[in-house]
Amino acid sequence: MSAERVCGASELVENQAKRVVVGGVPIALVKDSAGDIHAIGDTCTHGDISLSEGFIEGEAIECWAHGSQFSLLTGQPLNLPAYEPVPVFTVELVDGDIFIDPTITKAI
């Protein structure tokens, strides 16, 4: 599968997540306070909850249901109750548009 356009970068609000589905894969897009755009698996590994409904703090996204935080850079859980990571995807910016290939995750 090749990268698909998911939205324009201007559609993202700083420190808020936007849920997109690419090739059947739910992804949370986040524009952090530094302006960097991250794409992380949208499903918490602890409770099958949408992470895009959670909170952004620094370089982490927090699940609203049980408080597990995941690194936006690595997908690794930063605290319990989650202990399994979520996938992190490469973001391609082309002329202000965001493209993601959900079959390719970042090697961390």
PDB file of N, CA and C in Angstrom:
ATOM      1  N   MET A   1       0.853  -1.179   0.000  1.00  0.00           N
ATOM      2  CA  MET A   1       0.000   0.000   0.000  1.00  0.00           C
ATOM      3  C   MET A   1       0.891   1.231   0.000  1.00  0.00           C
ATOM      4  N   SER A   2       0.503   2.232  -0.718  1.00  0.00           N
ATOM      5  CA  SER A   2       1.256   3.482  -0.717  1.00  0.00           C
ATOM      6  C   SER A   2       0.609   4.458   0.256  1.00  0.00           C
ATOM      7  N   ALA A   3       1.331   5.526   0.539  1.00  0.00           N
ATOM      8  CA  ALA A   3       0.823   6.535   1.466  1.00  0.00           C
ATOM      9  C   ALA A   3      -0.437   7.188   0.908  1.00  0.00           C
ATOM     10  N   GLU A   4      -1.382   7.433   1.797  1.00  0.00           N
ATOM     11  CA  GLU A   4      -2.644   8.080   1.428  1.00  0.00           C
ATOM     12  C   GLU A   4      -2.743   9.437   2.096  1.00  0.00           C
ATOM     13  N   ARG A   5      -3.369  10.384   1.407  1.00  0.00           N
ATOM     14  CA  ARG A   5      -3.623  11.690   2.001  1.00  0.00           C
ATOM     15  C   ARG A   5      -4.695  11.517   3.073  1.00  0.00           C
ATOM     16  N   VAL A   6      -4.435  12.048   4.275  1.00  0.00           N
ATOM     17  CA  VAL A   6      -5.410  11.925   5.353  1.00  0.00           C
ATOM     18  C   VAL A   6      -6.075  13.251   5.704  1.00  0.00           C
ATOM     19  N   CYS A   7      -5.352  14.359   5.545  1.00  0.00           N
ATOM     20  CA  CYS A   7      -5.929  15.690   5.775  1.00  0.00           C
ATOM     21  C   CYS A   7      -4.859  16.732   5.487  1.00  0.00           C
ATOM     22  N   GLY A   8      -5.262  17.964   5.541  1.00  0.00           N
ATOM     23  CA  GLY A   8      -4.306  19.053   5.423  1.00  0.00           C
ATOM     24  C   GLY A   8      -3.704  19.353   6.784  1.00  0.00           C
ATOM     25  N   ALA A   9      -2.452  19.738   6.814  1.00  0.00           N
ATOM     26  CA  ALA A   9      -1.794  20.062   8.083  1.00  0.00           C
ATOM     27  C   ALA A   9      -2.511  21.202   8.799  1.00  0.00           C
ATOM     28  N   SER A  10      -3.118  22.089   8.043  1.00  0.00           N
ATOM     29  CA  SER A  10      -3.827  23.224   8.642  1.00  0.00           C
ATOM     30  C   SER A  10      -5.100  22.803   9.378  1.00  0.00           C
ATOM     31  N   GLU A  11      -5.555  21.567   9.160  1.00  0.00           N
ATOM     32  CA  GLU A  11      -6.750  21.070   9.843  1.00  0.00           C
ATOM     33  C   GLU A  11      -6.467  20.616  11.274  1.00  0.00           C
ATOM     34  N   LEU A  12      -5.190  20.475  11.617  1.00  0.00           N
ATOM     35  CA  LEU A  12      -4.837  20.029  12.960  1.00  0.00           C
ATOM     36  C   LEU A  12      -4.752  21.213  13.914  1.00  0.00           C
ATOM     37  N   VAL A  13      -5.246  20.997  15.118  1.00  0.00           N
ATOM     38  CA  VAL A  13      -5.193  22.007  16.177  1.00  0.00           C
ATOM     39  C   VAL A  13      -4.092  21.595  17.147  1.00  0.00           C
ATOM     40  N   GLU A  14      -3.252  22.540  17.519  1.00  0.00           N
ATOM     41  CA  GLU A  14      -2.148  22.248  18.424  1.00  0.00           C
ATOM     42  C   GLU A  14      -2.633  21.593  19.713  1.00  0.00           C
ATOM     43  N   ASN A  15      -1.942  20.521  20.105  1.00  0.00           N
ATOM     44  CA  ASN A  15      -2.209  19.770  21.337  1.00  0.00           C
ATOM     45  C   ASN A  15      -3.598  19.148  21.400  1.00  0.00           C
ATOM     46  N   GLN A  16      -4.133  18.817  20.229  1.00  0.00           N
ATOM     47  CA  GLN A  16      -5.373  18.048  20.142  1.00  0.00           C
ATOM     48  C   GLN A  16      -5.157  16.939  19.116  1.00  0.00           C
ATOM     49  N   ALA A  17      -5.800  15.815  19.355  1.00  0.00           N
ATOM     50  CA  ALA A  17      -5.672  14.698  18.428  1.00  0.00           C
ATOM     51  C   ALA A  17      -6.855  14.672  17.472  1.00  0.00           C
ATOM     52  N   LYS A  18      -6.588  14.207  16.263  1.00  0.00           N
ATOM     53  CA  LYS A  18      -7.628  14.041  15.242  1.00  0.00           C
ATOM     54  C   LYS A  18      -7.595  12.582  14.810  1.00  0.00           C
ATOM     55  N   ARG A  19      -8.735  11.919  14.861  1.00  0.00           N
ATOM     56  CA  ARG A  19      -8.816  10.511  14.457  1.00  0.00           C
ATOM     57  C   ARG A  19      -9.026  10.421  12.951  1.00  0.00           C
ATOM     58  N   VAL A  20      -8.205   9.589  12.308  1.00  0.00           N
ATOM     59  CA  VAL A  20      -8.366   9.284  10.890  1.00  0.00           C
ATOM     60  C   VAL A  20      -8.272   7.763  10.746  1.00  0.00           C
ATOM     61  N   VAL A  21      -8.834   7.245   9.676  1.00  0.00           N
ATOM     62  CA  VAL A  21      -8.732   5.817   9.382  1.00  0.00           C
ATOM     63  C   VAL A  21      -8.120   5.682   7.997  1.00  0.00           C
ATOM     64  N   VAL A  22      -7.007   4.975   7.932  1.00  0.00           N
ATOM     65  CA  VAL A  22      -6.289   4.799   6.673  1.00  0.00           C
ATOM     66  C   VAL A  22      -6.133   3.298   6.426  1.00  0.00           C
ATOM     67  N   GLY A  23      -6.693   2.821   5.334  1.00  0.00           N
ATOM     68  CA  GLY A  23      -6.603   1.403   5.024  1.00  0.00           C
ATOM     69  C   GLY A  23      -7.176   0.527   6.126  1.00  0.00           C
ATOM     70  N   GLY A  24      -8.206   1.029   6.805  1.00  0.00           N
ATOM     71  CA  GLY A  24      -8.833   0.289   7.889  1.00  0.00           C
ATOM     72  C   GLY A  24      -8.120   0.406   9.228  1.00  0.00           C
ATOM     73  N   VAL A  25      -7.024   1.169   9.285  1.00  0.00           N
ATOM     74  CA  VAL A  25      -6.245   1.329  10.510  1.00  0.00           C
ATOM     75  C   VAL A  25      -6.587   2.665  11.168  1.00  0.00           C
ATOM     76  N   PRO A  26      -7.118   2.650  12.410  1.00  0.00           N
ATOM     77  CA  PRO A  26      -7.396   3.904  13.114  1.00  0.00           C
ATOM     78  C   PRO A  26      -6.094   4.538  13.608  1.00  0.00           C
ATOM     79  N   ILE A  27      -5.930   5.812  13.314  1.00  0.00           N
ATOM     80  CA  ILE A  27      -4.705   6.545  13.639  1.00  0.00           C
ATOM     81  C   ILE A  27      -5.081   7.866  14.300  1.00  0.00           C
ATOM     82  N   ALA A  28      -4.340   8.233  15.348  1.00  0.00           N
ATOM     83  CA  ALA A  28      -4.493   9.537  15.984  1.00  0.00           C
ATOM     84  C   ALA A  28      -3.388  10.446  15.446  1.00  0.00           C
ATOM     85  N   LEU A  29      -3.778  11.554  14.844  1.00  0.00           N
ATOM     86  CA  LEU A  29      -2.824  12.563  14.375  1.00  0.00           C
ATOM     87  C   LEU A  29      -2.727  13.638  15.436  1.00  0.00           C
ATOM     88  N   VAL A  30      -1.507  14.053  15.743  1.00  0.00           N
ATOM     89  CA  VAL A  30      -1.295  15.065  16.777  1.00  0.00           C
ATOM     90  C   VAL A  30      -0.284  16.084  16.289  1.00  0.00           C
ATOM     91  N   LYS A  31      -0.633  17.353  16.477  1.00  0.00           N
ATOM     92  CA  LYS A  31       0.313  18.441  16.248  1.00  0.00           C
ATOM     93  C   LYS A  31       0.706  18.937  17.632  1.00  0.00           C
ATOM     94  N   ASP A  32       1.968  18.688  18.019  1.00  0.00           N
ATOM     95  CA  ASP A  32       2.379  19.065  19.365  1.00  0.00           C
ATOM     96  C   ASP A  32       2.678  20.558  19.465  1.00  0.00           C
ATOM     97  N   SER A  33       3.035  21.016  20.659  1.00  0.00           N
ATOM     98  CA  SER A  33       3.249  22.449  20.887  1.00  0.00           C
ATOM     99  C   SER A  33       4.452  22.994  20.132  1.00  0.00           C
ATOM    100  N   ALA A  34       5.343  22.115  19.676  1.00  0.00           N
ATOM    101  CA  ALA A  34       6.489  22.541  18.866  1.00  0.00           C
ATOM    102  C   ALA A  34       6.132  22.610  17.383  1.00  0.00           C
ATOM    103  N   GLY A  35       4.895  22.169  17.039  1.00  0.00           N
ATOM    104  CA  GLY A  35       4.454  22.181  15.649  1.00  0.00           C
ATOM    105  C   GLY A  35       4.748  20.893  14.898  1.00  0.00           C
ATOM    106  N   ASP A  36       5.350  19.916  15.578  1.00  0.00           N
ATOM    107  CA  ASP A  36       5.634  18.626  14.943  1.00  0.00           C
ATOM    108  C   ASP A  36       4.357  17.794  14.859  1.00  0.00           C
ATOM    109  N   ILE A  37       4.218  17.046  13.768  1.00  0.00           N
ATOM    110  CA  ILE A  37       3.027  16.221  13.553  1.00  0.00           C
ATOM    111  C   ILE A  37       3.394  14.758  13.763  1.00  0.00           C
ATOM    112  N   HIS A  38       2.568  14.085  14.561  1.00  0.00           N
ATOM    113  CA  HIS A  38       2.792  12.682  14.898  1.00  0.00           C
ATOM    114  C   HIS A  38       1.583  11.862  14.467  1.00  0.00           C
ATOM    115  N   ALA A  39       1.833  10.608  14.101  1.00  0.00           N
ATOM    116  CA  ALA A  39       0.766   9.659  13.764  1.00  0.00           C
ATOM    117  C   ALA A  39       0.995   8.415  14.606  1.00  0.00           C
ATOM    118  N   ILE A  40       0.021   8.101  15.448  1.00  0.00           N
ATOM    119  CA  ILE A  40       0.157   7.004  16.398  1.00  0.00           C
ATOM    120  C   ILE A  40      -1.106   6.159  16.357  1.00  0.00           C
ATOM    121  N   GLY A  41      -0.975   4.871  16.589  1.00  0.00           N
ATOM    122  CA  GLY A  41      -2.152   4.013  16.620  1.00  0.00           C
ATOM    123  C   GLY A  41      -3.195   4.580  17.570  1.00  0.00           C
ATOM    124  N   ASP A  42      -4.439   4.609  17.154  1.00  0.00           N
ATOM    125  CA  ASP A  42      -5.492   5.288  17.913  1.00  0.00           C
ATOM    126  C   ASP A  42      -6.123   4.433  19.002  1.00  0.00           C
ATOM    127  N   THR A  43      -5.704   3.195  19.166  1.00  0.00           N
ATOM    128  CA  THR A  43      -6.362   2.327  20.132  1.00  0.00           C
ATOM    129  C   THR A  43      -5.438   2.023  21.303  1.00  0.00           C
ATOM    130  N   CYS A  44      -5.875   2.403  22.513  1.00  0.00           N
ATOM    131  CA  CYS A  44      -5.115   2.122  23.729  1.00  0.00           C
ATOM    132  C   CYS A  44      -4.962   0.608  23.871  1.00  0.00           C
ATOM    133  N   THR A  45      -3.761   0.168  24.200  1.00  0.00           N
ATOM    134  CA  THR A  45      -3.510  -1.264  24.328  1.00  0.00           C
ATOM    135  C   THR A  45      -4.019  -1.827  25.648  1.00  0.00           C
ATOM    136  N   HIS A  46      -4.456  -0.973  26.537  1.00  0.00           N
ATOM    137  CA  HIS A  46      -4.990  -1.452  27.817  1.00  0.00           C
ATOM    138  C   HIS A  46      -6.483  -1.703  27.751  1.00  0.00           C
ATOM    139  N   GLY A  47      -7.236  -0.762  27.157  1.00  0.00           N
ATOM    140  CA  GLY A  47      -8.676  -0.882  27.256  1.00  0.00           C
ATOM    141  C   GLY A  47      -9.458  -0.704  25.976  1.00  0.00           C
ATOM    142  N   ASP A  48      -8.821  -0.798  24.812  1.00  0.00           N
ATOM    143  CA  ASP A  48      -9.524  -0.668  23.536  1.00  0.00           C
ATOM    144  C   ASP A  48     -10.311   0.643  23.461  1.00  0.00           C
ATOM    145  N   ILE A  49      -9.656   1.733  23.864  1.00  0.00           N
ATOM    146  CA  ILE A  49     -10.236   3.072  23.902  1.00  0.00           C
ATOM    147  C   ILE A  49      -9.541   3.932  22.848  1.00  0.00           C
ATOM    148  N   SER A  50     -10.280   4.829  22.206  1.00  0.00           N
ATOM    149  CA  SER A  50      -9.708   5.731  21.216  1.00  0.00           C
ATOM    150  C   SER A  50      -8.799   6.756  21.891  1.00  0.00           C
ATOM    151  N   LEU A  51      -7.519   6.725  21.558  1.00  0.00           N
ATOM    152  CA  LEU A  51      -6.572   7.682  22.136  1.00  0.00           C
ATOM    153  C   LEU A  51      -6.818   9.105  21.648  1.00  0.00           C
ATOM    154  N   SER A  52      -7.411   9.246  20.471  1.00  0.00           N
ATOM    155  CA  SER A  52      -7.651  10.597  19.945  1.00  0.00           C
ATOM    156  C   SER A  52      -8.661  11.371  20.782  1.00  0.00           C
ATOM    157  N   GLU A  53      -9.366  10.690  21.670  1.00  0.00           N
ATOM    158  CA  GLU A  53     -10.287  11.363  22.589  1.00  0.00           C
ATOM    159  C   GLU A  53      -9.588  11.766  23.884  1.00  0.00           C
ATOM    160  N   GLY A  54      -8.289  11.463  23.978  1.00  0.00           N
ATOM    161  CA  GLY A  54      -7.535  11.733  25.190  1.00  0.00           C
ATOM    162  C   GLY A  54      -6.885  13.101  25.195  1.00  0.00           C
ATOM    163  N   PHE A  55      -5.861  13.213  26.019  1.00  0.00           N
ATOM    164  CA  PHE A  55      -5.203  14.490  26.272  1.00  0.00           C
ATOM    165  C   PHE A  55      -3.760  14.446  25.775  1.00  0.00           C
ATOM    166  N   ILE A  56      -3.279  15.599  25.305  1.00  0.00           N
ATOM    167  CA  ILE A  56      -1.903  15.719  24.829  1.00  0.00           C
ATOM    168  C   ILE A  56      -1.135  16.541  25.855  1.00  0.00           C
ATOM    169  N   GLU A  57       0.008  16.009  26.263  1.00  0.00           N
ATOM    170  CA  GLU A  57       0.873  16.748  27.179  1.00  0.00           C
ATOM    171  C   GLU A  57       2.314  16.527  26.738  1.00  0.00           C
ATOM    172  N   GLY A  58       2.946  17.587  26.258  1.00  0.00           N
ATOM    173  CA  GLY A  58       4.313  17.462  25.763  1.00  0.00           C
ATOM    174  C   GLY A  58       4.364  16.510  24.584  1.00  0.00           C
ATOM    175  N   GLU A  59       5.171  15.461  24.725  1.00  0.00           N
ATOM    176  CA  GLU A  59       5.312  14.460  23.661  1.00  0.00           C
ATOM    177  C   GLU A  59       4.603  13.167  24.032  1.00  0.00           C
ATOM    178  N   ALA A  60       3.450  13.295  24.717  1.00  0.00           N
ATOM    179  CA  ALA A  60       2.688  12.114  25.126  1.00  0.00           C
ATOM    180  C   ALA A  60       1.202  12.331  24.871  1.00  0.00           C
ATOM    181  N   ILE A  61       0.511  11.216  24.642  1.00  0.00           N
ATOM    182  CA  ILE A  61      -0.941  11.226  24.532  1.00  0.00           C
ATOM    183  C   ILE A  61      -1.460  10.334  25.662  1.00  0.00           C
ATOM    184  N   GLU A  62      -2.494  10.812  26.355  1.00  0.00           N
ATOM    185  CA  GLU A  62      -3.033  10.093  27.509  1.00  0.00           C
ATOM    186  C   GLU A  62      -4.424   9.563  27.214  1.00  0.00           C
ATOM    187  N   CYS A  63      -4.642   8.304  27.508  1.00  0.00           N
ATOM    188  CA  CYS A  63      -5.959   7.691  27.379  1.00  0.00           C
ATOM    189  C   CYS A  63      -6.869   8.275  28.454  1.00  0.00           C
ATOM    190  N   TRP A  64      -7.998   8.761  28.037  1.00  0.00           N
ATOM    191  CA  TRP A  64      -8.922   9.410  28.980  1.00  0.00           C
ATOM    192  C   TRP A  64      -9.553   8.418  29.956  1.00  0.00           C
ATOM    193  N   ALA A  65      -9.622   7.144  29.619  1.00  0.00           N
ATOM    194  CA  ALA A  65     -10.344   6.177  30.450  1.00  0.00           C
ATOM    195  C   ALA A  65      -9.558   5.728  31.683  1.00  0.00           C
ATOM    196  N   HIS A  66      -8.282   5.401  31.502  1.00  0.00           N
ATOM    197  CA  HIS A  66      -7.524   4.844  32.621  1.00  0.00           C
ATOM    198  C   HIS A  66      -6.203   5.556  32.876  1.00  0.00           C
ATOM    199  N   GLY A  67      -5.909   6.598  32.100  1.00  0.00           N
ATOM    200  CA  GLY A  67      -4.733   7.419  32.366  1.00  0.00           C
ATOM    201  C   GLY A  67      -3.409   6.933  31.808  1.00  0.00           C
ATOM    202  N   SER A  68      -3.400   5.850  31.036  1.00  0.00           N
ATOM    203  CA  SER A  68      -2.138   5.416  30.434  1.00  0.00           C
ATOM    204  C   SER A  68      -1.667   6.472  29.439  1.00  0.00           C
ATOM    205  N   GLN A  69      -0.372   6.753  29.478  1.00  0.00           N
ATOM    206  CA  GLN A  69       0.220   7.688  28.535  1.00  0.00           C
ATOM    207  C   GLN A  69       1.146   6.933  27.590  1.00  0.00           C
ATOM    208  N   PHE A  70       1.183   7.390  26.338  1.00  0.00           N
ATOM    209  CA  PHE A  70       2.039   6.780  25.323  1.00  0.00           C
ATOM    210  C   PHE A  70       2.903   7.864  24.696  1.00  0.00           C
ATOM    211  N   SER A  71       4.155   7.533  24.438  1.00  0.00           N
ATOM    212  CA  SER A  71       5.059   8.456  23.766  1.00  0.00           C
ATOM    213  C   SER A  71       4.605   8.648  22.325  1.00  0.00           C
ATOM    214  N   LEU A  72       4.501   9.898  21.911  1.00  0.00           N
ATOM    215  CA  LEU A  72       4.161  10.190  20.511  1.00  0.00           C
ATOM    216  C   LEU A  72       5.327   9.838  19.588  1.00  0.00           C
ATOM    217  N   LEU A  73       6.528   9.753  20.136  1.00  0.00           N
ATOM    218  CA  LEU A  73       7.718   9.473  19.333  1.00  0.00           C
ATOM    219  C   LEU A  73       7.949   7.980  19.124  1.00  0.00           C
ATOM    220  N   THR A  74       7.663   7.178  20.165  1.00  0.00           N
ATOM    221  CA  THR A  74       7.995   5.747  20.103  1.00  0.00           C
ATOM    222  C   THR A  74       6.786   4.829  20.223  1.00  0.00           C
ATOM    223  N   GLY A  75       5.661   5.342  20.735  1.00  0.00           N
ATOM    224  CA  GLY A  75       4.489   4.505  20.973  1.00  0.00           C
ATOM    225  C   GLY A  75       4.564   3.717  22.263  1.00  0.00           C
ATOM    226  N   GLN A  76       5.682   3.812  22.970  1.00  0.00           N
ATOM    227  CA  GLN A  76       5.858   3.071  24.215  1.00  0.00           C
ATOM    228  C   GLN A  76       4.967   3.650  25.320  1.00  0.00           C
ATOM    229  N   PRO A  77       4.392   2.765  26.157  1.00  0.00           N
ATOM    230  CA  PRO A  77       3.616   3.256  27.291  1.00  0.00           C
ATOM    231  C   PRO A  77       4.563   3.893  28.305  1.00  0.00           C
ATOM    232  N   LEU A  78       4.123   4.989  28.893  1.00  0.00           N
ATOM    233  CA  LEU A  78       4.952   5.711  29.854  1.00  0.00           C
ATOM    234  C   LEU A  78       4.544   5.416  31.293  1.00  0.00           C
ATOM    235  N   ASN A  79       3.394   4.769  31.459  1.00  0.00           N
ATOM    236  CA  ASN A  79       2.928   4.403  32.794  1.00  0.00           C
ATOM    237  C   ASN A  79       1.885   3.300  32.675  1.00  0.00           C
ATOM    238  N   LEU A  80       1.579   2.690  33.792  1.00  0.00           N
ATOM    239  CA  LEU A  80       0.543   1.664  33.846  1.00  0.00           C
ATOM    240  C   LEU A  80      -0.828   2.317  33.860  1.00  0.00           C
ATOM    241  N   PRO A  81      -1.883   1.638  33.469  1.00  0.00           N
ATOM    242  CA  PRO A  81      -1.964   0.196  33.365  1.00  0.00           C
ATOM    243  C   PRO A  81      -1.521  -0.374  32.015  1.00  0.00           C
ATOM    244  N   ALA A  82      -1.318   0.429  30.997  1.00  0.00           N
ATOM    245  CA  ALA A  82      -0.867  -0.116  29.702  1.00  0.00           C
ATOM    246  C   ALA A  82       0.592  -0.554  29.800  1.00  0.00           C
ATOM    247  N   TYR A  83       0.920  -1.653  29.163  1.00  0.00           N
ATOM    248  CA  TYR A  83       2.311  -2.101  29.120  1.00  0.00           C
ATOM    249  C   TYR A  83       2.738  -2.501  27.711  1.00  0.00           C
ATOM    250  N   GLU A  84       1.807  -2.521  26.765  1.00  0.00           N
ATOM    251  CA  GLU A  84       2.122  -2.813  25.369  1.00  0.00           C
ATOM    252  C   GLU A  84       2.143  -1.506  24.578  1.00  0.00           C
ATOM    253  N   PRO A  85       3.096  -1.341  23.656  1.00  0.00           N
ATOM    254  CA  PRO A  85       3.153  -0.114  22.856  1.00  0.00           C
ATOM    255  C   PRO A  85       2.068  -0.071  21.779  1.00  0.00           C
ATOM    256  N   VAL A  86       1.860   1.104  21.240  1.00  0.00           N
ATOM    257  CA  VAL A  86       1.001   1.291  20.074  1.00  0.00           C
ATOM    258  C   VAL A  86       1.912   1.630  18.894  1.00  0.00           C
ATOM    259  N   PRO A  87       1.484   1.344  17.670  1.00  0.00           N
ATOM    260  CA  PRO A  87       2.350   1.638  16.516  1.00  0.00           C
ATOM    261  C   PRO A  87       2.477   3.142  16.266  1.00  0.00           C
ATOM    262  N   VAL A  88       3.601   3.517  15.716  1.00  0.00           N
ATOM    263  CA  VAL A  88       3.859   4.902  15.314  1.00  0.00           C
ATOM    264  C   VAL A  88       4.147   4.877  13.819  1.00  0.00           C
ATOM    265  N   PHE A  89       3.519   5.783  13.094  1.00  0.00           N
ATOM    266  CA  PHE A  89       3.628   5.800  11.639  1.00  0.00           C
ATOM    267  C   PHE A  89       4.398   7.026  11.165  1.00  0.00           C
ATOM    268  N   THR A  90       5.044   6.886  10.029  1.00  0.00           N
ATOM    269  CA  THR A  90       5.770   7.999   9.424  1.00  0.00           C
ATOM    270  C   THR A  90       4.778   8.964   8.784  1.00  0.00           C
ATOM    271  N   VAL A  91       4.986  10.237   9.052  1.00  0.00           N
ATOM    272  CA  VAL A  91       4.157  11.292   8.475  1.00  0.00           C
ATOM    273  C   VAL A  91       4.923  11.931   7.331  1.00  0.00           C
ATOM    274  N   GLU A  92       4.294  11.981   6.174  1.00  0.00           N
ATOM    275  CA  GLU A  92       4.872  12.677   5.031  1.00  0.00           C
ATOM    276  C   GLU A  92       4.065  13.943   4.783  1.00  0.00           C
ATOM    277  N   LEU A  93       4.746  15.078   4.715  1.00  0.00           N
ATOM    278  CA  LEU A  93       4.100  16.343   4.385  1.00  0.00           C
ATOM    279  C   LEU A  93       4.425  16.692   2.943  1.00  0.00           C
ATOM    280  N   VAL A  94       3.387  16.866   2.131  1.00  0.00           N
ATOM    281  CA  VAL A  94       3.561  17.227   0.729  1.00  0.00           C
ATOM    282  C   VAL A  94       2.630  18.390   0.428  1.00  0.00           C
ATOM    283  N   ASP A  95       3.208  19.546   0.157  1.00  0.00           N
ATOM    284  CA  ASP A  95       2.428  20.742  -0.178  1.00  0.00           C
ATOM    285  C   ASP A  95       1.322  21.020   0.845  1.00  0.00           C
ATOM    286  N   GLY A  96       1.652  20.852   2.131  1.00  0.00           N
ATOM    287  CA  GLY A  96       0.693  21.145   3.193  1.00  0.00           C
ATOM    288  C   GLY A  96      -0.294  20.031   3.495  1.00  0.00           C
ATOM    289  N   ASP A  97      -0.180  18.917   2.795  1.00  0.00           N
ATOM    290  CA  ASP A  97      -1.061  17.770   3.041  1.00  0.00           C
ATOM    291  C   ASP A  97      -0.286  16.677   3.779  1.00  0.00           C
ATOM    292  N   ILE A  98      -1.005  15.935   4.636  1.00  0.00           N
ATOM    293  CA  ILE A  98      -0.417  14.854   5.410  1.00  0.00           C
ATOM    294  C   ILE A  98      -0.735  13.527   4.729  1.00  0.00           C
ATOM    295  N   PHE A  99       0.308  12.727   4.508  1.00  0.00           N
ATOM    296  CA  PHE A  99       0.178  11.402   3.914  1.00  0.00           C
ATOM    297  C   PHE A  99       0.729  10.367   4.888  1.00  0.00           C
ATOM    298  N   ILE A 100       0.024   9.221   4.999  1.00  0.00           N
ATOM    299  CA  ILE A 100       0.455   8.131   5.874  1.00  0.00           C
ATOM    300  C   ILE A 100       0.256   6.806   5.146  1.00  0.00           C
ATOM    301  N   ASP A 101       1.225   5.914   5.305  1.00  0.00           N
ATOM    302  CA  ASP A 101       1.093   4.535   4.835  1.00  0.00           C
ATOM    303  C   ASP A 101       0.943   3.682   6.097  1.00  0.00           C
ATOM    304  N   PRO A 102      -0.270   3.129   6.348  1.00  0.00           N
ATOM    305  CA  PRO A 102      -0.490   2.391   7.597  1.00  0.00           C
ATOM    306  C   PRO A 102       0.192   1.027   7.649  1.00  0.00           C
ATOM    307  N   THR A 103       0.817   0.626   6.555  1.00  0.00           N
ATOM    308  CA  THR A 103       1.505  -0.662   6.562  1.00  0.00           C
ATOM    309  C   THR A 103       2.977  -0.513   6.970  1.00  0.00           C
ATOM    310  N   ILE A 104       3.428   0.725   7.109  1.00  0.00           N
ATOM    311  CA  ILE A 104       4.832   0.973   7.470  1.00  0.00           C
ATOM    312  C   ILE A 104       4.878   1.732   8.793  1.00  0.00           C
ATOM    313  N   THR A 105       5.445   1.082   9.800  1.00  0.00           N
ATOM    314  CA  THR A 105       5.610   1.744  11.092  1.00  0.00           C
ATOM    315  C   THR A 105       7.053   2.183  11.249  1.00  0.00           C
ATOM    316  N   LYS A 106       7.250   3.167  12.123  1.00  0.00           N
ATOM    317  CA  LYS A 106       8.599   3.656  12.383  1.00  0.00           C
ATOM    318  C   LYS A 106       9.393   2.607  13.147  1.00  0.00           C
ATOM    319  N   ALA A 107      10.638   2.462  12.768  1.00  0.00           N
ATOM    320  CA  ALA A 107      11.529   1.588  13.525  1.00  0.00           C
ATOM    321  C   ALA A 107      12.160   2.437  14.631  1.00  0.00           C
ATOM    322  N   ILE A 108      11.905   2.033  15.857  1.00  0.00           N
ATOM    323  CA  ILE A 108      12.419   2.799  17.011  1.00  0.00           C
ATOM    324  C   ILE A 108      13.497   2.001  17.701  1.00  0.00           C
TER     325      ILE A 108
END
